[in-house]
PDB file of all heavy atoms in Angstrom:
ATOM      1  N   VAL A   1      15.291   0.783 -18.023  1.00  0.00           N
ATOM      2  CA  VAL A   1      14.296   1.507 -18.804  1.00  0.00           C
ATOM      3  C   VAL A   1      12.987   1.725 -17.970  1.00  0.00           C
ATOM      4  O   VAL A   1      12.419   0.769 -17.410  1.00  0.00           O
ATOM      5  CB  VAL A   1      13.933   0.772 -20.096  1.00  0.00           C
ATOM      6  CG1 VAL A   1      13.022   1.576 -20.951  1.00  0.00           C
ATOM      7  CG2 VAL A   1      15.196   0.507 -20.925  1.00  0.00           C
ATOM      8  N   CYS A   2      12.567   2.961 -17.978  1.00  0.00           N
ATOM      9  CA  CYS A   2      11.222   3.279 -17.458  1.00  0.00           C
ATOM     10  C   CYS A   2      10.281   3.529 -18.671  1.00  0.00           C
ATOM     11  O   CYS A   2      10.653   4.266 -19.559  1.00  0.00           O
ATOM     12  CB  CYS A   2      11.280   4.554 -16.593  1.00  0.00           C
ATOM     13  SG  CYS A   2       9.654   5.080 -15.961  1.00  0.00           S
ATOM     14  N   ALA A   3       9.141   2.847 -18.614  1.00  0.00           N
ATOM     15  CA  ALA A   3       8.154   3.058 -19.671  1.00  0.00           C
ATOM     16  C   ALA A   3       7.280   4.269 -19.291  1.00  0.00           C
ATOM     17  O   ALA A   3       6.649   4.186 -18.184  1.00  0.00           O
ATOM     18  CB  ALA A   3       7.278   1.783 -19.807  1.00  0.00           C
ATOM     19  N   GLY A   4       7.305   5.281 -20.040  1.00  0.00           N
ATOM     20  CA  GLY A   4       6.551   6.504 -19.720  1.00  0.00           C
ATOM     21  C   GLY A   4       5.213   6.622 -20.435  1.00  0.00           C
ATOM     22  O   GLY A   4       4.991   5.910 -21.440  1.00  0.00           O
ATOM     23  N   GLY A   5       4.362   7.506 -19.921  1.00  0.00           N
ATOM     24  CA  GLY A   5       3.042   7.681 -20.576  1.00  0.00           C
ATOM     25  C   GLY A   5       2.084   6.606 -20.317  1.00  0.00           C
ATOM     26  O   GLY A   5       1.068   6.391 -21.080  1.00  0.00           O
ATOM     27  N   ILE A   6       2.317   5.771 -19.242  1.00  0.00           N
ATOM     28  CA  ILE A   6       1.476   4.628 -18.927  1.00  0.00           C
ATOM     29  C   ILE A   6       0.237   5.073 -18.117  1.00  0.00           C
ATOM     30  O   ILE A   6       0.431   5.645 -17.012  1.00  0.00           O
ATOM     31  CB  ILE A   6       2.278   3.586 -18.166  1.00  0.00           C
ATOM     32  CG1 ILE A   6       3.503   3.156 -18.933  1.00  0.00           C
ATOM     33  CG2 ILE A   6       1.299   2.343 -17.904  1.00  0.00           C
ATOM     34  CD1 ILE A   6       3.281   2.521 -20.310  1.00  0.00           C
ATOM     35  N   ILE A   7      -0.903   4.784 -18.648  1.00  0.00           N
ATOM     36  CA  ILE A   7      -2.147   5.201 -17.901  1.00  0.00           C
ATOM     37  C   ILE A   7      -3.172   4.071 -17.726  1.00  0.00           C
ATOM     38  O   ILE A   7      -4.147   4.207 -17.044  1.00  0.00           O
ATOM     39  CB  ILE A   7      -2.896   6.473 -18.598  1.00  0.00           C
ATOM     40  CG1 ILE A   7      -3.219   6.133 -20.013  1.00  0.00           C
ATOM     41  CG2 ILE A   7      -1.975   7.691 -18.456  1.00  0.00           C
ATOM     42  CD1 ILE A   7      -3.987   7.219 -20.640  1.00  0.00           C
ATOM     43  N   THR A   8      -2.932   2.946 -18.412  1.00  0.00           N
ATOM     44  CA  THR A   8      -3.836   1.789 -18.228  1.00  0.00           C
ATOM     45  C   THR A   8      -3.050   0.540 -17.812  1.00  0.00           C
ATOM     46  O   THR A   8      -1.839   0.478 -18.035  1.00  0.00           O
ATOM     47  CB  THR A   8      -4.556   1.464 -19.596  1.00  0.00           C
ATOM     48  OG1 THR A   8      -3.637   0.913 -20.490  1.00  0.00           O
ATOM     49  CG2 THR A   8      -5.221   2.714 -20.144  1.00  0.00           C
ATOM     50  N   SER A   9      -3.765  -0.408 -17.205  1.00  0.00           N
ATOM     51  CA  SER A   9      -3.138  -1.681 -16.822  1.00  0.00           C
ATOM     52  C   SER A   9      -2.650  -2.487 -17.984  1.00  0.00           C
ATOM     53  O   SER A   9      -1.609  -3.067 -17.888  1.00  0.00           O
ATOM     54  CB  SER A   9      -4.109  -2.527 -16.015  1.00  0.00           C
ATOM     55  OG  SER A   9      -5.290  -2.720 -16.693  1.00  0.00           O
ATOM     56  N   MET A  10      -3.327  -2.374 -19.120  1.00  0.00           N
ATOM     57  CA  MET A  10      -2.861  -3.035 -20.324  1.00  0.00           C
ATOM     58  C   MET A  10      -1.527  -2.521 -20.793  1.00  0.00           C
ATOM     59  O   MET A  10      -0.641  -3.279 -21.199  1.00  0.00           O
ATOM     60  CB  MET A  10      -3.929  -2.934 -21.462  1.00  0.00           C
ATOM     61  CG  MET A  10      -5.113  -3.796 -21.301  1.00  0.00           C
ATOM     62  SD  MET A  10      -6.299  -3.677 -22.632  1.00  0.00           S
ATOM     63  CE  MET A  10      -5.390  -4.345 -23.992  1.00  0.00           C
ATOM     64  N   GLN A  11      -1.377  -1.170 -20.783  1.00  0.00           N
ATOM     65  CA  GLN A  11      -0.165  -0.552 -21.182  1.00  0.00           C
ATOM     66  C   GLN A  11       1.016  -1.000 -20.155  1.00  0.00           C
ATOM     67  O   GLN A  11       2.109  -1.287 -20.592  1.00  0.00           O
ATOM     68  CB  GLN A  11      -0.255   0.933 -21.171  1.00  0.00           C
ATOM     69  CG  GLN A  11      -1.028   1.547 -22.317  1.00  0.00           C
ATOM     70  CD  GLN A  11      -1.116   3.016 -22.246  1.00  0.00           C
ATOM     71  OE1 GLN A  11      -1.456   3.572 -21.125  1.00  0.00           O
ATOM     72  NE2 GLN A  11      -0.906   3.720 -23.248  1.00  0.00           N
ATOM     73  N   ALA A  12       0.637  -0.990 -18.926  1.00  0.00           N
ATOM     74  CA  ALA A  12       1.647  -1.394 -17.892  1.00  0.00           C
ATOM     75  C   ALA A  12       2.127  -2.811 -18.118  1.00  0.00           C
ATOM     76  O   ALA A  12       3.313  -3.065 -18.090  1.00  0.00           O
ATOM     77  CB  ALA A  12       1.085  -1.215 -16.509  1.00  0.00           C
ATOM     78  N   ASP A  13       1.184  -3.773 -18.371  1.00  0.00           N
ATOM     79  CA  ASP A  13       1.522  -5.136 -18.620  1.00  0.00           C
ATOM     80  C   ASP A  13       2.394  -5.267 -19.881  1.00  0.00           C
ATOM     81  O   ASP A  13       3.376  -6.009 -19.843  1.00  0.00           O
ATOM     82  CB  ASP A  13       0.304  -5.993 -18.795  1.00  0.00           C
ATOM     83  CG  ASP A  13      -0.452  -6.221 -17.480  1.00  0.00           C
ATOM     84  OD1 ASP A  13       0.176  -6.095 -16.378  1.00  0.00           O
ATOM     85  OD2 ASP A  13      -1.661  -6.537 -17.530  1.00  0.00           O
ATOM     86  N   ALA A  14       2.024  -4.588 -20.906  1.00  0.00           N
ATOM     87  CA  ALA A  14       2.801  -4.601 -22.130  1.00  0.00           C
ATOM     88  C   ALA A  14       4.228  -4.088 -21.995  1.00  0.00           C
ATOM     89  O   ALA A  14       5.208  -4.728 -22.464  1.00  0.00           O
ATOM     90  CB  ALA A  14       2.116  -3.868 -23.243  1.00  0.00           C
ATOM     91  N   ALA A  15       4.381  -3.054 -21.152  1.00  0.00           N
ATOM     92  CA  ALA A  15       5.670  -2.414 -20.943  1.00  0.00           C
ATOM     93  C   ALA A  15       6.548  -3.388 -20.073  1.00  0.00           C
ATOM     94  O   ALA A  15       7.726  -3.583 -20.398  1.00  0.00           O
ATOM     95  CB  ALA A  15       5.473  -1.121 -20.211  1.00  0.00           C
ATOM     96  N   LEU A  16       5.958  -3.945 -19.030  1.00  0.00           N
ATOM     97  CA  LEU A  16       6.737  -4.831 -18.199  1.00  0.00           C
ATOM     98  C   LEU A  16       7.135  -6.158 -18.903  1.00  0.00           C
ATOM     99  O   LEU A  16       8.215  -6.603 -18.765  1.00  0.00           O
ATOM    100  CB  LEU A  16       5.960  -5.128 -16.949  1.00  0.00           C
ATOM    101  CG  LEU A  16       5.636  -3.931 -16.017  1.00  0.00           C
ATOM    102  CD1 LEU A  16       4.704  -4.304 -14.870  1.00  0.00           C
ATOM    103  CD2 LEU A  16       6.913  -3.291 -15.519  1.00  0.00           C
ATOM    104  N   ASN A  17       6.207  -6.619 -19.762  1.00  0.00           N
ATOM    105  CA  ASN A  17       6.531  -7.766 -20.541  1.00  0.00           C
ATOM    106  C   ASN A  17       7.646  -7.528 -21.577  1.00  0.00           C
ATOM    107  O   ASN A  17       8.294  -8.417 -22.021  1.00  0.00           O
ATOM    108  CB  ASN A  17       5.276  -8.290 -21.224  1.00  0.00           C
ATOM    109  CG  ASN A  17       4.247  -8.948 -20.282  1.00  0.00           C
ATOM    110  OD1 ASN A  17       4.612  -9.396 -19.224  1.00  0.00           O
ATOM    111  ND2 ASN A  17       3.039  -8.968 -20.682  1.00  0.00           N
ATOM    112  N   SER A  18       7.773  -6.309 -21.942  1.00  0.00           N
ATOM    113  CA  SER A  18       8.825  -5.862 -22.887  1.00  0.00           C
ATOM    114  C   SER A  18      10.200  -5.608 -22.225  1.00  0.00           C
ATOM    115  O   SER A  18      11.150  -5.407 -22.948  1.00  0.00           O
ATOM    116  CB  SER A  18       8.367  -4.590 -23.646  1.00  0.00           C
ATOM    117  OG  SER A  18       7.217  -4.794 -24.365  1.00  0.00           O
ATOM    118  N   GLY A  19      10.160  -5.619 -20.917  1.00  0.00           N
ATOM    119  CA  GLY A  19      11.463  -5.444 -20.259  1.00  0.00           C
ATOM    120  C   GLY A  19      11.625  -4.201 -19.385  1.00  0.00           C
ATOM    121  O   GLY A  19      12.673  -3.976 -18.820  1.00  0.00           O
ATOM    122  N   ALA A  20      10.554  -3.397 -19.353  1.00  0.00           N
ATOM    123  CA  ALA A  20      10.635  -2.108 -18.572  1.00  0.00           C
ATOM    124  C   ALA A  20      10.855  -2.542 -17.104  1.00  0.00           C
ATOM    125  O   ALA A  20      10.207  -3.466 -16.612  1.00  0.00           O
ATOM    126  CB  ALA A  20       9.381  -1.286 -18.744  1.00  0.00           C
ATOM    127  N   GLN A  21      11.667  -1.731 -16.421  1.00  0.00           N
ATOM    128  CA  GLN A  21      11.939  -2.041 -14.933  1.00  0.00           C
ATOM    129  C   GLN A  21      11.257  -1.010 -14.044  1.00  0.00           C
ATOM    130  O   GLN A  21      11.236  -1.186 -12.854  1.00  0.00           O
ATOM    131  CB  GLN A  21      13.450  -2.003 -14.764  1.00  0.00           C
ATOM    132  CG  GLN A  21      14.137  -3.231 -15.415  1.00  0.00           C
ATOM    133  CD  GLN A  21      15.512  -2.919 -15.842  1.00  0.00           C
ATOM    134  OE1 GLN A  21      15.780  -1.883 -16.386  1.00  0.00           O
ATOM    135  NE2 GLN A  21      16.441  -3.840 -15.625  1.00  0.00           N
ATOM    136  N   LEU A  22      10.698   0.012 -14.657  1.00  0.00           N
ATOM    137  CA  LEU A  22       9.889   1.004 -13.969  1.00  0.00           C
ATOM    138  C   LEU A  22       8.766   1.469 -14.861  1.00  0.00           C
ATOM    139  O   LEU A  22       8.849   1.288 -16.096  1.00  0.00           O
ATOM    140  CB  LEU A  22      10.743   2.285 -13.587  1.00  0.00           C
ATOM    141  CG  LEU A  22      12.059   2.179 -12.911  1.00  0.00           C
ATOM    142  CD1 LEU A  22      13.174   2.025 -13.842  1.00  0.00           C
ATOM    143  CD2 LEU A  22      12.343   3.536 -12.099  1.00  0.00           C
ATOM    144  N   ILE A  23       7.734   2.063 -14.314  1.00  0.00           N
ATOM    145  CA  ILE A  23       6.676   2.658 -15.077  1.00  0.00           C
ATOM    146  C   ILE A  23       6.430   4.112 -14.618  1.00  0.00           C
ATOM    147  O   ILE A  23       6.583   4.368 -13.465  1.00  0.00           O
ATOM    148  CB  ILE A  23       5.350   1.843 -15.069  1.00  0.00           C
ATOM    149  CG1 ILE A  23       4.873   1.602 -13.632  1.00  0.00           C
ATOM    150  CG2 ILE A  23       5.526   0.549 -15.838  1.00  0.00           C
ATOM    151  CD1 ILE A  23       3.539   0.870 -13.545  1.00  0.00           C
ATOM    152  N   ALA A  24       6.006   4.915 -15.486  1.00  0.00           N
ATOM    153  CA  ALA A  24       5.787   6.325 -15.173  1.00  0.00           C
ATOM    154  C   ALA A  24       4.496   6.755 -15.859  1.00  0.00           C
ATOM    155  O   ALA A  24       4.174   6.298 -16.976  1.00  0.00           O
ATOM    156  CB  ALA A  24       6.914   7.264 -15.556  1.00  0.00           C
ATOM    157  N   SER A  25       3.779   7.634 -15.180  1.00  0.00           N
ATOM    158  CA  SER A  25       2.449   8.142 -15.746  1.00  0.00           C
ATOM    159  C   SER A  25       2.449   9.666 -15.640  1.00  0.00           C
ATOM    160  O   SER A  25       2.999  10.247 -14.703  1.00  0.00           O
ATOM    161  CB  SER A  25       1.354   7.535 -14.962  1.00  0.00           C
ATOM    162  OG  SER A  25       0.081   7.997 -15.429  1.00  0.00           O
ATOM    163  N   PRO A  26       1.734  10.277 -16.579  1.00  0.00           N
ATOM    164  CA  PRO A  26       1.625  11.760 -16.479  1.00  0.00           C
ATOM    165  C   PRO A  26       0.627  12.145 -15.405  1.00  0.00           C
ATOM    166  O   PRO A  26       0.509  13.293 -15.086  1.00  0.00           O
ATOM    167  CB  PRO A  26       1.077  12.126 -17.862  1.00  0.00           C
ATOM    168  CG  PRO A  26       0.348  10.904 -18.337  1.00  0.00           C
ATOM    169  CD  PRO A  26       1.212   9.731 -17.803  1.00  0.00           C
ATOM    170  N   ILE A  27      -0.058  11.113 -14.827  1.00  0.00           N
ATOM    171  CA  ILE A  27      -1.035  11.400 -13.787  1.00  0.00           C
ATOM    172  C   ILE A  27      -0.834  10.538 -12.557  1.00  0.00           C
ATOM    173  O   ILE A  27      -0.048   9.583 -12.590  1.00  0.00           O
ATOM    174  CB  ILE A  27      -2.523  11.203 -14.308  1.00  0.00           C
ATOM    175  CG1 ILE A  27      -2.679   9.764 -14.878  1.00  0.00           C
ATOM    176  CG2 ILE A  27      -2.825  12.187 -15.365  1.00  0.00           C
ATOM    177  CD1 ILE A  27      -4.044   9.354 -15.325  1.00  0.00           C
TER     178      ILE A  27
END
């Protein structure tokens, strides 16, 4: 799972703690 729409470090941490293995941002 890639967590999409990530633009802040708090979102990134929450996504990774939830099990995301990648992160994606619109920017």
